Amino acid sequence: MNDVTMTQPLPGLEPFIDRLKAISDRYERVHGIDRGGDWHLLKVQEEIGELTQAYLAMTGRSRRDADGARHEVAMEMADVVCMIFLMARDQGIDLNAAIQEKWMKWEQVMRDEASA
């Protein structure tokens, strides 16, 4: 593994978020939406609600039609993930560093366990 892989679990993340931000900037411009303050958090919550609706339909626990629900689940997952990325950017949070600290530390624990 090279240094970038070790320090950045998602090495292409920042350029990807740049692309998402450009799309979100267009959304703001075209629809006249103010994305300031708590907007990103509220959008994450909204998208989680839509994901929950689609999941309930997909698993047959809703009045909604299950046809196409799996695709809707995928689309709503994409919305949730992208809104999280945009929220992190808006708040100045380095997700690569957070993922490294919170999740990737367990790789060493697993290596230690495997060699014990």
PDB file of N, CA and C in Angstrom:
ATOM      1  N   MET A   1       0.836  -1.183   0.000  1.00  0.00           N
ATOM      2  CA  MET A   1       0.000   0.000   0.000  1.00  0.00           C
ATOM      3  C   MET A   1       0.876   1.240   0.000  1.00  0.00           C
ATOM      4  N   ASN A   2       0.481   2.233  -0.794  1.00  0.00           N
ATOM      5  CA  ASN A   2       1.259   3.465  -0.776  1.00  0.00           C
ATOM      6  C   ASN A   2       0.742   4.404   0.301  1.00  0.00           C
ATOM      7  N   ASP A   3       1.471   5.488   0.520  1.00  0.00           N
ATOM      8  CA  ASP A   3       1.130   6.438   1.581  1.00  0.00           C
ATOM      9  C   ASP A   3      -0.264   7.039   1.424  1.00  0.00           C
ATOM     10  N   VAL A   4      -0.660   7.357   0.182  1.00  0.00           N
ATOM     11  CA  VAL A   4      -1.972   7.965  -0.039  1.00  0.00           C
ATOM     12  C   VAL A   4      -3.068   7.003   0.387  1.00  0.00           C
ATOM     13  N   THR A   5      -2.933   5.727   0.030  1.00  0.00           N
ATOM     14  CA  THR A   5      -3.936   4.741   0.408  1.00  0.00           C
ATOM     15  C   THR A   5      -4.036   4.619   1.920  1.00  0.00           C
ATOM     16  N   MET A   6      -2.903   4.657   2.595  1.00  0.00           N
ATOM     17  CA  MET A   6      -2.903   4.522   4.052  1.00  0.00           C
ATOM     18  C   MET A   6      -3.526   5.738   4.735  1.00  0.00           C
ATOM     19  N   THR A   7      -3.303   6.927   4.201  1.00  0.00           N
ATOM     20  CA  THR A   7      -3.789   8.129   4.867  1.00  0.00           C
ATOM     21  C   THR A   7      -5.137   8.596   4.339  1.00  0.00           C
ATOM     22  N   GLN A   8      -5.512   8.140   3.165  1.00  0.00           N
ATOM     23  CA  GLN A   8      -6.793   8.540   2.596  1.00  0.00           C
ATOM     24  C   GLN A   8      -7.560   7.301   2.146  1.00  0.00           C
ATOM     25  N   PRO A   9      -8.493   6.853   2.971  1.00  0.00           N
ATOM     26  CA  PRO A   9      -9.266   5.671   2.578  1.00  0.00           C
ATOM     27  C   PRO A   9      -9.989   5.863   1.245  1.00  0.00           C
ATOM     28  N   LEU A  10     -10.353   7.090   0.943  1.00  0.00           N
ATOM     29  CA  LEU A  10     -11.034   7.413  -0.313  1.00  0.00           C
ATOM     30  C   LEU A  10     -10.213   8.481  -1.036  1.00  0.00           C
ATOM     31  N   PRO A  11      -9.115   8.094  -1.704  1.00  0.00           N
ATOM     32  CA  PRO A  11      -8.193   9.078  -2.273  1.00  0.00           C
ATOM     33  C   PRO A  11      -8.821  10.023  -3.288  1.00  0.00           C
ATOM     34  N   GLY A  12      -9.843   9.611  -3.997  1.00  0.00           N
ATOM     35  CA  GLY A  12     -10.482  10.473  -4.996  1.00  0.00           C
ATOM     36  C   GLY A  12     -11.667  11.252  -4.460  1.00  0.00           C
ATOM     37  N   LEU A  13     -11.815  11.293  -3.143  1.00  0.00           N
ATOM     38  CA  LEU A  13     -13.018  11.886  -2.552  1.00  0.00           C
ATOM     39  C   LEU A  13     -13.148  13.384  -2.816  1.00  0.00           C
ATOM     40  N   GLU A  14     -12.091  14.143  -2.588  1.00  0.00           N
ATOM     41  CA  GLU A  14     -12.203  15.604  -2.717  1.00  0.00           C
ATOM     42  C   GLU A  14     -12.577  16.042  -4.133  1.00  0.00           C
ATOM     43  N   PRO A  15     -11.950  15.499  -5.187  1.00  0.00           N
ATOM     44  CA  PRO A  15     -12.397  15.867  -6.535  1.00  0.00           C
ATOM     45  C   PRO A  15     -13.848  15.454  -6.811  1.00  0.00           C
ATOM     46  N   PHE A  16     -14.249  14.331  -6.248  1.00  0.00           N
ATOM     47  CA  PHE A  16     -15.636  13.884  -6.411  1.00  0.00           C
ATOM     48  C   PHE A  16     -16.591  14.868  -5.738  1.00  0.00           C
ATOM     49  N   ILE A  17     -16.253  15.308  -4.527  1.00  0.00           N
ATOM     50  CA  ILE A  17     -17.102  16.278  -3.827  1.00  0.00           C
ATOM     51  C   ILE A  17     -17.128  17.599  -4.582  1.00  0.00           C
ATOM     52  N   ASP A  18     -16.024  17.971  -5.227  1.00  0.00           N
ATOM     53  CA  ASP A  18     -16.027  19.178  -6.071  1.00  0.00           C
ATOM     54  C   ASP A  18     -17.107  19.068  -7.143  1.00  0.00           C
ATOM     55  N   ARG A  19     -17.221  17.902  -7.760  1.00  0.00           N
ATOM     56  CA  ARG A  19     -18.240  17.680  -8.798  1.00  0.00           C
ATOM     57  C   ARG A  19     -19.644  17.743  -8.204  1.00  0.00           C
ATOM     58  N   LEU A  20     -19.832  17.120  -7.028  1.00  0.00           N
ATOM     59  CA  LEU A  20     -21.143  17.181  -6.370  1.00  0.00           C
ATOM     60  C   LEU A  20     -21.504  18.625  -6.032  1.00  0.00           C
ATOM     61  N   LYS A  21     -20.539  19.389  -5.557  1.00  0.00           N
ATOM     62  CA  LYS A  21     -20.792  20.777  -5.190  1.00  0.00           C
ATOM     63  C   LYS A  21     -21.210  21.593  -6.403  1.00  0.00           C
ATOM     64  N   ALA A  22     -20.584  21.362  -7.545  1.00  0.00           N
ATOM     65  CA  ALA A  22     -20.977  22.069  -8.767  1.00  0.00           C
ATOM     66  C   ALA A  22     -22.433  21.768  -9.118  1.00  0.00           C
ATOM     67  N   ILE A  23     -22.839  20.515  -8.964  1.00  0.00           N
ATOM     68  CA  ILE A  23     -24.229  20.129  -9.234  1.00  0.00           C
ATOM     69  C   ILE A  23     -25.151  20.799  -8.220  1.00  0.00           C
ATOM     70  N   SER A  24     -24.750  20.788  -6.947  1.00  0.00           N
ATOM     71  CA  SER A  24     -25.554  21.410  -5.900  1.00  0.00           C
ATOM     72  C   SER A  24     -25.630  22.927  -6.087  1.00  0.00           C
ATOM     73  N   ASP A  25     -24.534  23.529  -6.531  1.00  0.00           N
ATOM     74  CA  ASP A  25     -24.541  24.971  -6.817  1.00  0.00           C
ATOM     75  C   ASP A  25     -25.543  25.299  -7.917  1.00  0.00           C
ATOM     76  N   ARG A  26     -25.612  24.453  -8.940  1.00  0.00           N
ATOM     77  CA  ARG A  26     -26.595  24.650 -10.010  1.00  0.00           C
ATOM     78  C   ARG A  26     -28.009  24.558  -9.453  1.00  0.00           C
ATOM     79  N   TYR A  27     -28.240  23.558  -8.598  1.00  0.00           N
ATOM     80  CA  TYR A  27     -29.548  23.371  -7.958  1.00  0.00           C
ATOM     81  C   TYR A  27     -29.953  24.652  -7.219  1.00  0.00           C
ATOM     82  N   GLU A  28     -29.016  25.216  -6.473  1.00  0.00           N
ATOM     83  CA  GLU A  28     -29.291  26.451  -5.731  1.00  0.00           C
ATOM     84  C   GLU A  28     -29.631  27.591  -6.691  1.00  0.00           C
ATOM     85  N   ARG A  29     -28.835  27.703  -7.739  1.00  0.00           N
ATOM     86  CA  ARG A  29     -29.015  28.786  -8.711  1.00  0.00           C
ATOM     87  C   ARG A  29     -30.345  28.649  -9.463  1.00  0.00           C
ATOM     88  N   VAL A  30     -30.636  27.467  -9.971  1.00  0.00           N
ATOM     89  CA  VAL A  30     -31.839  27.246 -10.787  1.00  0.00           C
ATOM     90  C   VAL A  30     -33.117  27.364  -9.960  1.00  0.00           C
ATOM     91  N   HIS A  31     -33.084  26.842  -8.733  1.00  0.00           N
ATOM     92  CA  HIS A  31     -34.296  26.788  -7.916  1.00  0.00           C
ATOM     93  C   HIS A  31     -34.373  27.885  -6.861  1.00  0.00           C
ATOM     94  N   GLY A  32     -33.332  28.697  -6.758  1.00  0.00           N
ATOM     95  CA  GLY A  32     -33.339  29.785  -5.780  1.00  0.00           C
ATOM     96  C   GLY A  32     -33.393  29.293  -4.341  1.00  0.00           C
ATOM     97  N   ILE A  33     -32.704  28.178  -4.078  1.00  0.00           N
ATOM     98  CA  ILE A  33     -32.701  27.570  -2.742  1.00  0.00           C
ATOM     99  C   ILE A  33     -31.504  28.088  -1.956  1.00  0.00           C
ATOM    100  N   ASP A  34     -31.747  28.586  -0.762  1.00  0.00           N
ATOM    101  CA  ASP A  34     -30.661  28.992   0.131  1.00  0.00           C
ATOM    102  C   ASP A  34     -30.173  27.756   0.868  1.00  0.00           C
ATOM    103  N   ARG A  35     -28.919  27.384   0.626  1.00  0.00           N
ATOM    104  CA  ARG A  35     -28.362  26.178   1.245  1.00  0.00           C
ATOM    105  C   ARG A  35     -27.548  26.502   2.489  1.00  0.00           C
ATOM    106  N   GLY A  36     -27.786  27.620   3.088  1.00  0.00           N
ATOM    107  CA  GLY A  36     -27.023  28.011   4.267  1.00  0.00           C
ATOM    108  C   GLY A  36     -27.548  27.376   5.540  1.00  0.00           C
ATOM    109  N   GLY A  37     -26.804  27.615   6.618  1.00  0.00           N
ATOM    110  CA  GLY A  37     -27.221  27.147   7.937  1.00  0.00           C
ATOM    111  C   GLY A  37     -27.338  25.642   8.020  1.00  0.00           C
ATOM    112  N   ASP A  38     -28.514  25.186   8.425  1.00  0.00           N
ATOM    113  CA  ASP A  38     -28.722  23.750   8.657  1.00  0.00           C
ATOM    114  C   ASP A  38     -29.301  23.021   7.441  1.00  0.00           C
ATOM    115  N   TRP A  39     -29.278  23.666   6.274  1.00  0.00           N
ATOM    116  CA  TRP A  39     -29.902  23.086   5.075  1.00  0.00           C
ATOM    117  C   TRP A  39     -29.375  21.690   4.779  1.00  0.00           C
ATOM    118  N   HIS A  40     -28.058  21.489   4.808  1.00  0.00           N
ATOM    119  CA  HIS A  40     -27.502  20.175   4.464  1.00  0.00           C
ATOM    120  C   HIS A  40     -27.985  19.094   5.433  1.00  0.00           C
ATOM    121  N   LEU A  41     -27.994  19.402   6.715  1.00  0.00           N
ATOM    122  CA  LEU A  41     -28.471  18.422   7.692  1.00  0.00           C
ATOM    123  C   LEU A  41     -29.945  18.089   7.457  1.00  0.00           C
ATOM    124  N   LEU A  42     -30.741  19.100   7.182  1.00  0.00           N
ATOM    125  CA  LEU A  42     -32.158  18.856   6.916  1.00  0.00           C
ATOM    126  C   LEU A  42     -32.352  18.030   5.651  1.00  0.00           C
ATOM    127  N   LYS A  43     -31.534  18.262   4.631  1.00  0.00           N
ATOM    128  CA  LYS A  43     -31.618  17.460   3.413  1.00  0.00           C
ATOM    129  C   LYS A  43     -31.207  16.012   3.670  1.00  0.00           C
ATOM    130  N   VAL A  44     -30.183  15.806   4.494  1.00  0.00           N
ATOM    131  CA  VAL A  44     -29.801  14.435   4.850  1.00  0.00           C
ATOM    132  C   VAL A  44     -30.987  13.734   5.494  1.00  0.00           C
ATOM    133  N   GLN A  45     -31.633  14.420   6.430  1.00  0.00           N
ATOM    134  CA  GLN A  45     -32.794  13.838   7.119  1.00  0.00           C
ATOM    135  C   GLN A  45     -33.918  13.534   6.136  1.00  0.00           C
ATOM    136  N   GLU A  46     -34.177  14.462   5.224  1.00  0.00           N
ATOM    137  CA  GLU A  46     -35.216  14.246   4.213  1.00  0.00           C
ATOM    138  C   GLU A  46     -34.895  13.021   3.356  1.00  0.00           C
ATOM    139  N   GLU A  47     -33.650  12.915   2.924  1.00  0.00           N
ATOM    140  CA  GLU A  47     -33.262  11.787   2.069  1.00  0.00           C
ATOM    141  C   GLU A  47     -33.306  10.470   2.832  1.00  0.00           C
ATOM    142  N   ILE A  48     -32.983  10.472   4.110  1.00  0.00           N
ATOM    143  CA  ILE A  48     -33.100   9.246   4.921  1.00  0.00           C
ATOM    144  C   ILE A  48     -34.568   8.830   5.005  1.00  0.00           C
ATOM    145  N   GLY A  49     -35.451   9.790   5.132  1.00  0.00           N
ATOM    146  CA  GLY A  49     -36.881   9.475   5.137  1.00  0.00           C
ATOM    147  C   GLY A  49     -37.316   8.836   3.831  1.00  0.00           C
ATOM    148  N   GLU A  50     -36.844   9.385   2.715  1.00  0.00           N
ATOM    149  CA  GLU A  50     -37.184   8.820   1.401  1.00  0.00           C
ATOM    150  C   GLU A  50     -36.573   7.428   1.232  1.00  0.00           C
ATOM    151  N   LEU A  51     -35.363   7.230   1.748  1.00  0.00           N
ATOM    152  CA  LEU A  51     -34.742   5.910   1.713  1.00  0.00           C
ATOM    153  C   LEU A  51     -35.563   4.918   2.525  1.00  0.00           C
ATOM    154  N   THR A  52     -36.030   5.341   3.681  1.00  0.00           N
ATOM    155  CA  THR A  52     -36.848   4.483   4.533  1.00  0.00           C
ATOM    156  C   THR A  52     -38.137   4.090   3.819  1.00  0.00           C
ATOM    157  N   GLN A  53     -38.786   5.039   3.165  1.00  0.00           N
ATOM    158  CA  GLN A  53     -40.010   4.735   2.406  1.00  0.00           C
ATOM    159  C   GLN A  53     -39.737   3.697   1.326  1.00  0.00           C
ATOM    160  N   ALA A  54     -38.670   3.905   0.564  1.00  0.00           N
ATOM    161  CA  ALA A  54     -38.341   2.974  -0.512  1.00  0.00           C
ATOM    162  C   ALA A  54     -37.988   1.590   0.041  1.00  0.00           C
ATOM    163  N   TYR A  55     -37.258   1.558   1.149  1.00  0.00           N
ATOM    164  CA  TYR A  55     -36.879   0.282   1.756  1.00  0.00           C
ATOM    165  C   TYR A  55     -38.116  -0.476   2.243  1.00  0.00           C
ATOM    166  N   LEU A  56     -39.028   0.243   2.873  1.00  0.00           N
ATOM    167  CA  LEU A  56     -40.259  -0.407   3.333  1.00  0.00           C
ATOM    168  C   LEU A  56     -41.037  -0.995   2.160  1.00  0.00           C
ATOM    169  N   ALA A  57     -41.096  -0.273   1.052  1.00  0.00           N
ATOM    170  CA  ALA A  57     -41.776  -0.793  -0.139  1.00  0.00           C
ATOM    171  C   ALA A  57     -41.041  -2.021  -0.674  1.00  0.00           C
ATOM    172  N   MET A  58     -39.717  -1.937  -0.739  1.00  0.00           N
ATOM    173  CA  MET A  58     -38.920  -3.040  -1.269  1.00  0.00           C
ATOM    174  C   MET A  58     -39.093  -4.302  -0.439  1.00  0.00           C
ATOM    175  N   THR A  59     -39.258  -4.153   0.866  1.00  0.00           N
ATOM    176  CA  THR A  59     -39.379  -5.314   1.742  1.00  0.00           C
ATOM    177  C   THR A  59     -40.834  -5.702   2.007  1.00  0.00           C
ATOM    178  N   GLY A  60     -41.752  -5.115   1.257  1.00  0.00           N
ATOM    179  CA  GLY A  60     -43.161  -5.487   1.355  1.00  0.00           C
ATOM    180  C   GLY A  60     -43.844  -5.026   2.623  1.00  0.00           C
ATOM    181  N   ARG A  61     -43.348  -3.972   3.250  1.00  0.00           N
ATOM    182  CA  ARG A  61     -43.939  -3.478   4.493  1.00  0.00           C
ATOM    183  C   ARG A  61     -44.501  -2.078   4.324  1.00  0.00           C
ATOM    184  N   SER A  62     -45.122  -1.875   3.176  1.00  0.00           N
ATOM    185  CA  SER A  62     -45.664  -0.558   2.849  1.00  0.00           C
ATOM    186  C   SER A  62     -46.830  -0.735   1.895  1.00  0.00           C
ATOM    187  N   ARG A  63     -47.674   0.282   1.815  1.00  0.00           N
ATOM    188  CA  ARG A  63     -48.753   0.258   0.832  1.00  0.00           C
ATOM    189  C   ARG A  63     -48.218   0.554  -0.560  1.00  0.00           C
ATOM    190  N   ARG A  64     -46.999   1.063  -0.618  1.00  0.00           N
ATOM    191  CA  ARG A  64     -46.399   1.392  -1.915  1.00  0.00           C
ATOM    192  C   ARG A  64     -46.079   0.123  -2.683  1.00  0.00           C
ATOM    193  N   ASP A  65     -46.092   0.252  -3.997  1.00  0.00           N
ATOM    194  CA  ASP A  65     -45.803  -0.868  -4.889  1.00  0.00           C
ATOM    195  C   ASP A  65     -44.335  -1.248  -4.796  1.00  0.00           C
ATOM    196  N   ALA A  66     -44.065  -2.533  -4.662  1.00  0.00           N
ATOM    197  CA  ALA A  66     -42.692  -3.018  -4.545  1.00  0.00           C
ATOM    198  C   ALA A  66     -41.960  -3.006  -5.890  1.00  0.00           C
ATOM    199  N   ASP A  67     -42.696  -2.928  -7.005  1.00  0.00           N
ATOM    200  CA  ASP A  67     -42.058  -2.886  -8.319  1.00  0.00           C
ATOM    201  C   ASP A  67     -41.175  -1.644  -8.414  1.00  0.00           C
ATOM    202  N   GLY A  68     -39.942  -1.862  -8.745  1.00  0.00           N
ATOM    203  CA  GLY A  68     -39.007  -0.755  -8.887  1.00  0.00           C
ATOM    204  C   GLY A  68     -38.476  -0.208  -7.570  1.00  0.00           C
ATOM    205  N   ALA A  69     -38.909  -0.773  -6.448  1.00  0.00           N
ATOM    206  CA  ALA A  69     -38.495  -0.244  -5.142  1.00  0.00           C
ATOM    207  C   ALA A  69     -37.002  -0.449  -4.902  1.00  0.00           C
ATOM    208  N   ARG A  70     -36.445  -1.543  -5.396  1.00  0.00           N
ATOM    209  CA  ARG A  70     -35.003  -1.769  -5.207  1.00  0.00           C
ATOM    210  C   ARG A  70     -34.205  -0.660  -5.886  1.00  0.00           C
ATOM    211  N   HIS A  71     -34.631  -0.267  -7.078  1.00  0.00           N
ATOM    212  CA  HIS A  71     -33.981   0.844  -7.780  1.00  0.00           C
ATOM    213  C   HIS A  71     -34.141   2.135  -6.982  1.00  0.00           C
ATOM    214  N   GLU A  72     -35.329   2.353  -6.437  1.00  0.00           N
ATOM    215  CA  GLU A  72     -35.554   3.547  -5.621  1.00  0.00           C
ATOM    216  C   GLU A  72     -34.671   3.548  -4.377  1.00  0.00           C
ATOM    217  N   VAL A  73     -34.476   2.388  -3.763  1.00  0.00           N
ATOM    218  CA  VAL A  73     -33.577   2.287  -2.609  1.00  0.00           C
ATOM    219  C   VAL A  73     -32.174   2.729  -3.030  1.00  0.00           C
ATOM    220  N   ALA A  74     -31.710   2.242  -4.160  1.00  0.00           N
ATOM    221  CA  ALA A  74     -30.379   2.615  -4.643  1.00  0.00           C
ATOM    222  C   ALA A  74     -30.289   4.121  -4.883  1.00  0.00           C
ATOM    223  N   MET A  75     -31.323   4.698  -5.490  1.00  0.00           N
ATOM    224  CA  MET A  75     -31.317   6.134  -5.779  1.00  0.00           C
ATOM    225  C   MET A  75     -31.316   6.957  -4.491  1.00  0.00           C
ATOM    226  N   GLU A  76     -32.078   6.518  -3.514  1.00  0.00           N
ATOM    227  CA  GLU A  76     -32.122   7.248  -2.243  1.00  0.00           C
ATOM    228  C   GLU A  76     -30.830   7.074  -1.453  1.00  0.00           C
ATOM    229  N   MET A  77     -30.206   5.894  -1.544  1.00  0.00           N
ATOM    230  CA  MET A  77     -28.891   5.724  -0.918  1.00  0.00           C
ATOM    231  C   MET A  77     -27.898   6.710  -1.524  1.00  0.00           C
ATOM    232  N   ALA A  78     -27.948   6.853  -2.835  1.00  0.00           N
ATOM    233  CA  ALA A  78     -27.066   7.808  -3.507  1.00  0.00           C
ATOM    234  C   ALA A  78     -27.317   9.221  -2.987  1.00  0.00           C
ATOM    235  N   ASP A  79     -28.583   9.588  -2.825  1.00  0.00           N
ATOM    236  CA  ASP A  79     -28.905  10.916  -2.294  1.00  0.00           C
ATOM    237  C   ASP A  79     -28.333  11.104  -0.892  1.00  0.00           C
ATOM    238  N   VAL A  80     -28.494  10.102  -0.034  1.00  0.00           N
ATOM    239  CA  VAL A  80     -28.007  10.211   1.349  1.00  0.00           C
ATOM    240  C   VAL A  80     -26.488  10.390   1.357  1.00  0.00           C
ATOM    241  N   VAL A  81     -25.795   9.536   0.618  1.00  0.00           N
ATOM    242  CA  VAL A  81     -24.333   9.596   0.601  1.00  0.00           C
ATOM    243  C   VAL A  81     -23.851  10.943   0.054  1.00  0.00           C
ATOM    244  N   CYS A  82     -24.440  11.372  -1.045  1.00  0.00           N
ATOM    245  CA  CYS A  82     -23.996  12.634  -1.643  1.00  0.00           C
ATOM    246  C   CYS A  82     -24.301  13.821  -0.741  1.00  0.00           C
ATOM    247  N   MET A  83     -25.438  13.807  -0.065  1.00  0.00           N
ATOM    248  CA  MET A  83     -25.743  14.909   0.851  1.00  0.00           C
ATOM    249  C   MET A  83     -24.793  14.899   2.049  1.00  0.00           C
ATOM    250  N   ILE A  84     -24.386  13.729   2.517  1.00  0.00           N
ATOM    251  CA  ILE A  84     -23.401  13.652   3.598  1.00  0.00           C
ATOM    252  C   ILE A  84     -22.075  14.258   3.132  1.00  0.00           C
ATOM    253  N   PHE A  85     -21.656  13.914   1.914  1.00  0.00           N
ATOM    254  CA  PHE A  85     -20.417  14.482   1.377  1.00  0.00           C
ATOM    255  C   PHE A  85     -20.504  16.005   1.297  1.00  0.00           C
ATOM    256  N   LEU A  86     -21.637  16.507   0.807  1.00  0.00           N
ATOM    257  CA  LEU A  86     -21.811  17.958   0.690  1.00  0.00           C
ATOM    258  C   LEU A  86     -21.867  18.624   2.059  1.00  0.00           C
ATOM    259  N   MET A  87     -22.501  17.974   3.014  1.00  0.00           N
ATOM    260  CA  MET A  87     -22.559  18.524   4.368  1.00  0.00           C
ATOM    261  C   MET A  87     -21.157  18.599   4.968  1.00  0.00           C
ATOM    262  N   ALA A  88     -20.366  17.549   4.770  1.00  0.00           N
ATOM    263  CA  ALA A  88     -18.995  17.554   5.282  1.00  0.00           C
ATOM    264  C   ALA A  88     -18.212  18.720   4.676  1.00  0.00           C
ATOM    265  N   ARG A  89     -18.332  18.898   3.377  1.00  0.00           N
ATOM    266  CA  ARG A  89     -17.622  20.003   2.721  1.00  0.00           C
ATOM    267  C   ARG A  89     -18.081  21.341   3.297  1.00  0.00           C
ATOM    268  N   ASP A  90     -19.386  21.504   3.437  1.00  0.00           N
ATOM    269  CA  ASP A  90     -19.930  22.760   3.953  1.00  0.00           C
ATOM    270  C   ASP A  90     -19.424  23.054   5.364  1.00  0.00           C
ATOM    271  N   GLN A  91     -19.235  22.005   6.158  1.00  0.00           N
ATOM    272  CA  GLN A  91     -18.810  22.171   7.539  1.00  0.00           C
ATOM    273  C   GLN A  91     -17.290  22.119   7.709  1.00  0.00           C
ATOM    274  N   GLY A  92     -16.566  21.954   6.603  1.00  0.00           N
ATOM    275  CA  GLY A  92     -15.114  21.906   6.676  1.00  0.00           C
ATOM    276  C   GLY A  92     -14.583  20.646   7.341  1.00  0.00           C
ATOM    277  N   ILE A  93     -15.301  19.551   7.190  1.00  0.00           N
ATOM    278  CA  ILE A  93     -14.903  18.285   7.806  1.00  0.00           C
ATOM    279  C   ILE A  93     -14.164  17.428   6.783  1.00  0.00           C
ATOM    280  N   ASP A  94     -13.014  16.908   7.177  1.00  0.00           N
ATOM    281  CA  ASP A  94     -12.208  16.027   6.349  1.00  0.00           C
ATOM    282  C   ASP A  94     -12.695  14.591   6.580  1.00  0.00           C
ATOM    283  N   LEU A  95     -13.527  14.107   5.677  1.00  0.00           N
ATOM    284  CA  LEU A  95     -14.078  12.755   5.842  1.00  0.00           C
ATOM    285  C   LEU A  95     -13.001  11.685   5.749  1.00  0.00           C
ATOM    286  N   ASN A  96     -11.989  11.900   4.925  1.00  0.00           N
ATOM    287  CA  ASN A  96     -10.907  10.914   4.866  1.00  0.00           C
ATOM    288  C   ASN A  96     -10.266  10.749   6.228  1.00  0.00           C
ATOM    289  N   ALA A  97      -9.989  11.851   6.909  1.00  0.00           N
ATOM    290  CA  ALA A  97      -9.381  11.774   8.242  1.00  0.00           C
ATOM    291  C   ALA A  97     -10.332  11.117   9.234  1.00  0.00           C
ATOM    292  N   ALA A  98     -11.616  11.455   9.148  1.00  0.00           N
ATOM    293  CA  ALA A  98     -12.597  10.881  10.071  1.00  0.00           C
ATOM    294  C   ALA A  98     -12.755   9.380   9.851  1.00  0.00           C
ATOM    295  N   ILE A  99     -12.796   8.958   8.601  1.00  0.00           N
ATOM    296  CA  ILE A  99     -12.915   7.530   8.295  1.00  0.00           C
ATOM    297  C   ILE A  99     -11.664   6.786   8.766  1.00  0.00           C
ATOM    298  N   GLN A 100     -10.516   7.392   8.539  1.00  0.00           N
ATOM    299  CA  GLN A 100      -9.258   6.779   8.984  1.00  0.00           C
ATOM    300  C   GLN A 100      -9.285   6.576  10.495  1.00  0.00           C
ATOM    301  N   GLU A 101      -9.680   7.623  11.219  1.00  0.00           N
ATOM    302  CA  GLU A 101      -9.682   7.555  12.681  1.00  0.00           C
ATOM    303  C   GLU A 101     -10.749   6.606  13.220  1.00  0.00           C
ATOM    304  N   LYS A 102     -11.936   6.658  12.645  1.00  0.00           N
ATOM    305  CA  LYS A 102     -13.073   5.916  13.206  1.00  0.00           C
ATOM    306  C   LYS A 102     -13.124   4.454  12.750  1.00  0.00           C
ATOM    307  N   TRP A 103     -12.814   4.177  11.485  1.00  0.00           N
ATOM    308  CA  TRP A 103     -12.987   2.846  10.924  1.00  0.00           C
ATOM    309  C   TRP A 103     -11.688   2.111  10.626  1.00  0.00           C
ATOM    310  N   MET A 104     -10.771   2.783   9.953  1.00  0.00           N
ATOM    311  CA  MET A 104      -9.610   2.074   9.427  1.00  0.00           C
ATOM    312  C   MET A 104      -8.636   1.617  10.506  1.00  0.00           C
ATOM    313  N   LYS A 105      -8.740   2.195  11.699  1.00  0.00           N
ATOM    314  CA  LYS A 105      -7.893   1.745  12.807  1.00  0.00           C
ATOM    315  C   LYS A 105      -8.124   0.269  13.114  1.00  0.00           C
ATOM    316  N   TRP A 106      -9.294  -0.236  12.779  1.00  0.00           N
ATOM    317  CA  TRP A 106      -9.629  -1.624  13.073  1.00  0.00           C
ATOM    318  C   TRP A 106      -8.876  -2.597  12.183  1.00  0.00           C
ATOM    319  N   GLU A 107      -8.343  -2.126  11.074  1.00  0.00           N
ATOM    320  CA  GLU A 107      -7.537  -3.018  10.239  1.00  0.00           C
ATOM    321  C   GLU A 107      -6.320  -3.514  11.008  1.00  0.00           C
ATOM    322  N   GLN A 108      -5.682  -2.640  11.775  1.00  0.00           N
ATOM    323  CA  GLN A 108      -4.528  -3.062  12.578  1.00  0.00           C
ATOM    324  C   GLN A 108      -4.960  -4.038  13.664  1.00  0.00           C
ATOM    325  N   VAL A 109      -6.088  -3.779  14.275  1.00  0.00           N
ATOM    326  CA  VAL A 109      -6.619  -4.693  15.295  1.00  0.00           C
ATOM    327  C   VAL A 109      -6.846  -6.071  14.670  1.00  0.00           C
ATOM    328  N   MET A 110      -7.425  -6.110  13.478  1.00  0.00           N
ATOM    329  CA  MET A 110      -7.688  -7.391  12.813  1.00  0.00           C
ATOM    330  C   MET A 110      -6.394  -8.096  12.434  1.00  0.00           C
ATOM    331  N   ARG A 111      -5.384  -7.335  11.995  1.00  0.00           N
ATOM    332  CA  ARG A 111      -4.071  -7.941  11.688  1.00  0.00           C
ATOM    333  C   ARG A 111      -3.469  -8.543  12.950  1.00  0.00           C
ATOM    334  N   ASP A 112      -3.566  -7.801  14.060  1.00  0.00           N
ATOM    335  CA  ASP A 112      -3.039  -8.302  15.330  1.00  0.00           C
ATOM    336  C   ASP A 112      -3.772  -9.567  15.769  1.00  0.00           C
ATOM    337  N   GLU A 113      -5.082  -9.571  15.610  1.00  0.00           N
ATOM    338  CA  GLU A 113      -5.870 -10.755  15.973  1.00  0.00           C
ATOM    339  C   GLU A 113      -5.494 -11.959  15.119  1.00  0.00           C
ATOM    340  N   ALA A 114      -5.285 -11.714  13.833  1.00  0.00           N
ATOM    341  CA  ALA A 114      -4.954 -12.804  12.911  1.00  0.00           C
ATOM    342  C   ALA A 114      -3.585 -13.402  13.214  1.00  0.00           C
ATOM    343  N   SER A 115      -2.684 -12.582  13.709  1.00  0.00           N
ATOM    344  CA  SER A 115      -1.332 -13.091  13.983  1.00  0.00           C
ATOM    345  C   SER A 115      -1.185 -13.650  15.399  1.00  0.00           C
ATOM    346  N   ALA A 116      -2.220 -13.526  16.207  1.00  0.00           N
ATOM    347  CA  ALA A 116      -2.148 -14.016  17.592  1.00  0.00           C
ATOM    348  C   ALA A 116      -2.378 -15.510  17.683  1.00  0.00           C
TER     349      ALA A 116
END
